[in-house]
Amino acid sequence: TLQTIPSSFHQIKIWPVDYENILHTSYLAFRTSTAIGVMKLPGTGHKNEYDMILAHSNGIRTFDVTSNHNLFISCGEKDNCIFVWKFDLSIMEKRIENSTIEINMKLKQLESLFYYIQLQDASNLKIEQVISLPLITDFTRALGNYISERQIQELYDEECFKKHVLDPYKIKINFDETVQIYYNHFANNTNQTSVNDILQSIFNEFKSPKNLKINIHSLIQNLMTDGEKMTLEEIHEAFQTLHILNDEINTIDALPNELNLNEFIHLFSQNNINKNN
């Protein structure tokens, strides 16, 4: 099976599999140029609510569904084949059931974190149903997503504008709002699993749209003005620790002015550190 939904469908059909339970057994059947698939209706977008299979590698001319039955038919474009496919409803329902359990467990973990971040020190052990908006940064960082000062400011500006408030510290959000803000603003980098993933994320944020390169001196300027602001001496020390600065290149001015993605990752990656050791 295939797990990546394409950006567009060549053909779609509403597929009521069981008329006796139409509310819970209706699906969207669809096809791409080479694959056919089904998607649960109504859906939430969870990956367990859809499935696809490569039907005709040389292209699909058309397909159709059989209402009140778990069968649909595909006709190949060039292979002169007509295939009848059987959809296992029970497996899909079991996957959806498991996804609900996964979501509920995740929400319980997030809810515990929502209350935990309120305990900043021993002098304040009172738990509230709402938190101040700036605490969303602690919530996000506790989930391993280290957001930039720019992202935080953009959130403040948006929420202050929506609520007609000037001071973000006066905005209170409950648990549901906290989760919504997290997933809408900051959760897009939760799949970062390596240093290279993080470096690529940094590169994508600061690269020039004109030549798709990152200016190393502009990046250094951002390190000095955004987030946990660093001094030039601290940056110099960090670059020495990473062996970006060494016997051959001993000043920041000697670094290349612009780097493409591969050059940037090589400069800051562990591979470069190991090479210099």
Protein backbone atom coordinates (compact mmCIF):
# COMPACT_ATOMS: atom_id res chain seq x y z
CA THR A 1 0.00 0.00 0.00
CA LEU A 2 0.94 3.65 -0.41
CA GLN A 3 0.78 6.10 2.51
CA THR A 4 1.28 9.47 0.83
CA ILE A 5 -1.79 11.24 -0.53
CA PRO A 6 -1.05 13.23 -3.71
CA SER A 7 -1.92 16.89 -4.10
CA SER A 8 -4.77 16.18 -6.54
CA PHE A 9 -7.12 13.36 -7.55
CA HIS A 10 -8.03 12.47 -11.12
CA GLN A 11 -11.42 11.05 -10.11
CA ILE A 12 -13.45 10.78 -6.90
CA LYS A 13 -16.67 8.99 -5.92
CA ILE A 14 -18.71 8.84 -2.72
CA TRP A 15 -18.84 5.18 -1.72
CA PRO A 16 -21.58 3.98 0.68
CA VAL A 17 -20.29 0.51 1.57
CA ASP A 18 -23.24 -0.51 3.78
CA TYR A 19 -26.66 1.15 3.38
CA GLU A 20 -27.79 -0.23 6.75
CA ASN A 21 -25.07 1.76 8.51
CA ILE A 22 -24.42 4.53 5.99
CA LEU A 23 -23.40 7.11 8.62
CA HIS A 24 -20.37 5.08 9.71
CA THR A 25 -19.52 3.16 6.53
CA SER A 26 -19.28 5.86 3.87
CA TYR A 27 -15.96 6.45 2.16
CA LEU A 28 -14.45 8.65 -0.49
CA ALA A 29 -13.03 6.47 -3.27
CA PHE A 30 -10.44 8.16 -5.47
CA ARG A 31 -7.80 7.53 -8.08
CA THR A 32 -4.58 9.17 -9.18
CA SER A 33 -2.78 8.48 -12.45
CA THR A 34 -1.62 5.04 -11.25
CA ALA A 35 -3.16 4.34 -7.82
CA ILE A 36 -6.60 3.90 -6.27
CA GLY A 37 -7.57 4.57 -2.69
CA VAL A 38 -10.25 5.08 -0.07
CA MET A 39 -10.70 7.66 2.67
CA LYS A 40 -13.05 7.52 5.65
CA LEU A 41 -15.92 10.03 5.75
CA PRO A 42 -16.13 12.23 7.68
CA GLY A 43 -12.41 12.34 8.29
CA THR A 44 -9.90 14.13 10.48
CA GLY A 45 -6.87 13.71 8.22
CA HIS A 46 -5.26 11.01 10.37
CA LYS A 47 -3.10 8.62 8.33
CA ASN A 48 -5.13 5.63 9.57
CA GLU A 49 -8.26 6.99 7.85
CA TYR A 50 -7.08 6.40 4.29
CA ASP A 51 -5.28 3.82 2.22
CA MET A 52 -3.97 3.56 -1.35
CA ILE A 53 -2.61 0.85 -3.61
CA LEU A 54 -0.72 0.91 -6.89
CA ALA A 55 -3.31 -0.45 -9.33
CA HIS A 56 -1.93 0.08 -12.85
CA SER A 57 1.68 1.18 -13.24
CA ASN A 58 1.06 2.38 -16.82
CA GLY A 59 -1.92 4.52 -15.89
CA ILE A 60 -5.62 4.20 -15.02
CA ARG A 61 -8.34 5.03 -17.52
CA THR A 62 -11.24 5.00 -15.02
CA PHE A 63 -12.63 3.26 -11.95
CA ASP A 64 -16.01 2.68 -10.31
CA VAL A 65 -17.47 1.51 -7.00
CA THR A 66 -20.20 -1.01 -6.17
CA SER A 67 -22.60 0.58 -3.69
CA ASN A 68 -23.57 -1.51 -0.66
CA HIS A 69 -20.66 -3.85 -1.40
CA ASN A 70 -16.97 -3.67 -0.50
CA LEU A 71 -15.80 -3.96 -4.13
CA PHE A 72 -14.58 -1.50 -6.70
CA ILE A 73 -13.27 -1.85 -10.25
CA SER A 74 -10.34 -0.25 -12.06
CA CYS A 75 -9.55 -0.19 -15.77
CA GLY A 76 -5.96 0.21 -16.96
CA GLU A 77 -4.92 2.80 -19.52
CA LYS A 78 -2.37 0.69 -21.45
CA ASP A 79 -2.27 -2.78 -19.88
CA ASN A 80 -5.72 -3.85 -21.19
CA CYS A 81 -6.61 -5.10 -17.71
CA ILE A 82 -9.73 -4.74 -15.58
CA PHE A 83 -9.20 -5.42 -11.88
CA VAL A 84 -11.80 -6.04 -9.17
CA TRP A 85 -10.62 -4.92 -5.72
CA LYS A 86 -12.03 -6.02 -2.37
CA PHE A 87 -11.90 -3.48 0.44
CA ASP A 88 -11.51 -4.97 3.94
CA LEU A 89 -13.76 -2.73 6.00
CA SER A 90 -12.90 -4.41 9.32
CA ILE A 91 -9.17 -3.64 9.01
CA MET A 92 -9.83 0.03 8.27
CA GLU A 93 -12.23 0.30 11.23
CA LYS A 94 -9.65 -1.33 13.51
CA ARG A 95 -6.98 1.13 12.39
CA ILE A 96 -9.32 4.06 13.03
CA GLU A 97 -10.14 2.69 16.48
CA ASN A 98 -6.44 2.43 17.31
CA SER A 99 -5.78 5.97 16.06
CA THR A 100 -8.45 7.28 18.46
CA ILE A 101 -6.69 5.55 21.35
CA GLU A 102 -3.34 7.03 20.24
CA ILE A 103 -4.84 10.53 20.05
CA ASN A 104 -6.43 10.24 23.51
CA MET A 105 -3.14 9.05 25.03
CA LYS A 106 -1.28 11.94 23.40
CA LEU A 107 -3.82 14.45 24.71
CA LYS A 108 -3.44 13.08 28.24
CA GLN A 109 0.32 13.57 28.01
CA LEU A 110 -0.13 17.12 26.74
CA GLU A 111 -2.64 17.87 29.49
CA SER A 112 -0.17 16.74 32.16
CA LEU A 113 2.43 19.02 30.61
CA PHE A 114 -0.06 21.92 30.55
CA TYR A 115 -0.35 21.73 34.34
CA TYR A 116 3.33 20.95 34.94
CA ILE A 117 4.62 24.12 33.26
CA GLN A 118 2.60 26.20 35.73
CA LEU A 119 4.87 25.02 38.56
CA GLN A 120 7.71 27.45 37.93
CA ASP A 121 9.06 27.34 41.48
CA ALA A 122 8.19 26.12 44.98
CA SER A 123 6.53 29.43 45.88
CA ASN A 124 3.76 28.88 43.33
CA LEU A 125 2.09 25.48 43.53
CA LYS A 126 -1.39 26.58 42.46
CA ILE A 127 -2.80 24.95 39.34
CA GLU A 128 -5.16 26.93 37.09
CA GLN A 129 -7.37 25.98 34.16
CA VAL A 130 -5.77 28.75 32.10
CA ILE A 131 -2.20 29.91 31.57
CA SER A 132 -0.63 33.15 30.43
CA LEU A 133 0.09 33.13 26.68
CA PRO A 134 3.92 33.41 27.09
CA LEU A 135 3.94 30.03 28.89
CA ILE A 136 3.24 28.44 25.49
CA THR A 137 7.00 28.73 24.88
CA ASP A 138 7.72 26.47 27.89
CA PHE A 139 5.03 24.08 26.68
CA THR A 140 6.56 23.93 23.21
CA ARG A 141 10.17 23.57 24.36
CA ALA A 142 9.18 20.79 26.76
CA LEU A 143 8.01 18.88 23.68
CA GLY A 144 11.47 19.22 22.12
CA ASN A 145 10.61 22.05 19.72
CA TYR A 146 12.93 25.00 20.30
CA ILE A 147 11.14 27.90 18.68
CA SER A 148 12.81 31.15 17.71
CA GLU A 149 12.18 34.59 19.15
CA ARG A 150 10.74 35.57 15.78
CA GLN A 151 8.14 32.77 15.93
CA ILE A 152 7.18 33.77 19.45
CA GLN A 153 6.76 37.42 18.49
CA GLU A 154 4.65 36.47 15.47
CA LEU A 155 2.37 34.48 17.78
CA TYR A 156 2.11 37.40 20.22
CA ASP A 157 1.24 39.80 17.42
CA GLU A 158 -1.44 37.48 16.05
CA GLU A 159 -3.10 36.75 19.40
CA CYS A 160 -2.96 40.39 20.56
CA PHE A 161 -4.56 41.47 17.30
CA LYS A 162 -7.32 38.84 17.58
CA LYS A 163 -8.12 39.67 21.20
CA HIS A 164 -7.57 43.46 20.95
CA VAL A 165 -4.93 43.38 23.70
CA LEU A 166 -1.54 45.10 23.70
CA ASP A 167 0.20 43.00 26.36
CA PRO A 168 0.49 39.24 25.58
CA TYR A 169 0.90 38.56 29.31
CA LYS A 170 -2.72 39.62 29.79
CA ILE A 171 -3.97 36.92 27.42
CA LYS A 172 -5.09 33.71 29.12
CA ILE A 173 -5.52 30.44 27.23
CA ASN A 174 -7.01 27.13 28.35
CA PHE A 175 -5.75 23.65 27.51
CA ASP A 176 -7.71 23.34 24.27
CA GLU A 177 -6.41 26.70 23.04
CA THR A 178 -2.86 25.75 24.04
CA VAL A 179 -2.98 22.54 21.98
CA GLN A 180 -4.53 24.39 19.05
CA ILE A 181 -1.83 27.08 19.10
CA TYR A 182 0.92 24.48 19.41
CA TYR A 183 -0.22 22.45 16.40
CA ASN A 184 -1.06 25.51 14.29
CA HIS A 185 2.20 27.37 14.94
CA PHE A 186 4.98 25.18 16.24
CA ALA A 187 4.43 21.46 15.68
CA ASN A 188 5.62 21.33 12.07
CA ASN A 189 9.18 20.41 13.14
CA THR A 190 8.28 17.54 15.48
CA ASN A 191 9.70 14.99 13.03
CA GLN A 192 13.24 16.30 13.38
CA THR A 193 15.28 13.26 14.34
CA SER A 194 18.87 14.25 13.61
CA VAL A 195 21.26 17.18 13.67
CA ASN A 196 21.02 17.36 9.89
CA ASP A 197 17.23 17.69 10.08
CA ILE A 198 17.59 20.62 12.48
CA LEU A 199 20.29 22.25 10.34
CA GLN A 200 18.09 21.94 7.26
CA SER A 201 15.23 23.58 9.17
CA ILE A 202 17.50 26.49 10.14
CA PHE A 203 18.75 26.78 6.57
CA ASN A 204 15.19 26.88 5.19
CA GLU A 205 14.21 29.62 7.64
CA PHE A 206 17.12 31.95 6.88
CA LYS A 207 18.02 31.19 3.25
CA SER A 208 17.70 33.92 0.65
CA PRO A 209 14.69 33.45 -1.67
CA LYS A 210 16.77 34.84 -4.54
CA ASN A 211 19.67 32.39 -4.69
CA LEU A 212 18.53 29.78 -2.11
CA LYS A 213 21.71 30.29 -0.10
CA ILE A 214 22.26 31.35 3.48
CA ASN A 215 24.40 34.35 4.32
CA ILE A 216 26.59 33.34 7.23
CA HIS A 217 27.01 36.91 8.47
CA SER A 218 23.24 37.52 8.43
CA LEU A 219 22.84 34.32 10.45
CA ILE A 220 25.37 35.55 12.99
CA GLN A 221 23.49 38.84 13.23
CA ASN A 222 20.29 36.91 13.97
CA LEU A 223 22.07 34.94 16.70
CA MET A 224 22.99 38.26 18.31
CA THR A 225 19.53 39.86 18.08
CA ASP A 226 16.91 37.05 18.25
CA GLY A 227 16.02 34.43 20.84
CA GLU A 228 18.60 33.74 23.55
CA LYS A 229 20.84 36.56 22.32
CA MET A 230 24.53 35.71 22.00
CA THR A 231 27.47 38.08 22.11
CA LEU A 232 30.08 38.02 19.36
CA GLU A 233 32.52 36.47 21.83
CA GLU A 234 30.06 33.67 22.64
CA ILE A 235 29.51 32.99 18.93
CA HIS A 236 33.27 32.91 18.36
CA GLU A 237 33.69 30.44 21.23
CA ALA A 238 30.83 28.25 19.95
CA PHE A 239 32.31 28.19 16.44
CA GLN A 240 35.65 27.13 17.90
CA THR A 241 33.95 24.31 19.83
CA LEU A 242 32.31 23.13 16.61
CA HIS A 243 35.68 23.41 14.82
CA ILE A 244 34.17 25.85 12.34
CA LEU A 245 37.00 28.12 13.38
CA ASN A 246 40.36 26.36 13.42
CA ASP A 247 44.02 26.88 12.57
CA GLU A 248 43.22 27.45 8.89
CA ILE A 249 40.13 29.64 9.39
CA ASN A 250 40.57 31.51 12.66
CA THR A 251 38.17 34.46 12.26
CA ILE A 252 34.49 34.77 11.39
CA ASP A 253 35.35 37.15 8.55
CA ALA A 254 37.35 34.35 6.92
CA LEU A 255 34.26 32.14 6.60
CA PRO A 256 32.52 31.85 3.21
CA ASN A 257 29.98 34.63 2.79
CA GLU A 258 27.22 32.42 1.37
CA LEU A 259 26.55 28.69 1.64
CA ASN A 260 24.17 26.32 -0.11
CA LEU A 261 22.37 23.62 1.89
CA ASN A 262 25.06 20.94 1.57
CA GLU A 263 27.85 23.38 2.44
CA PHE A 264 25.91 24.67 5.46
CA ILE A 265 25.20 21.18 6.80
CA HIS A 266 28.82 20.13 6.27
CA LEU A 267 30.10 23.21 8.09
CA PHE A 268 27.93 22.72 11.19
CA SER A 269 27.48 18.95 11.26
CA GLN A 270 29.04 16.32 13.47
CA ASN A 271 30.87 14.94 10.43
CA ASN A 272 32.87 18.14 10.26
CA ILE A 273 33.64 17.93 13.98
CA ASN A 274 34.84 14.33 13.70
CA LYS A 275 36.99 15.20 10.69
CA ASN A 276 38.80 17.90 12.64
CA ASN A 277 39.35 15.68 15.70
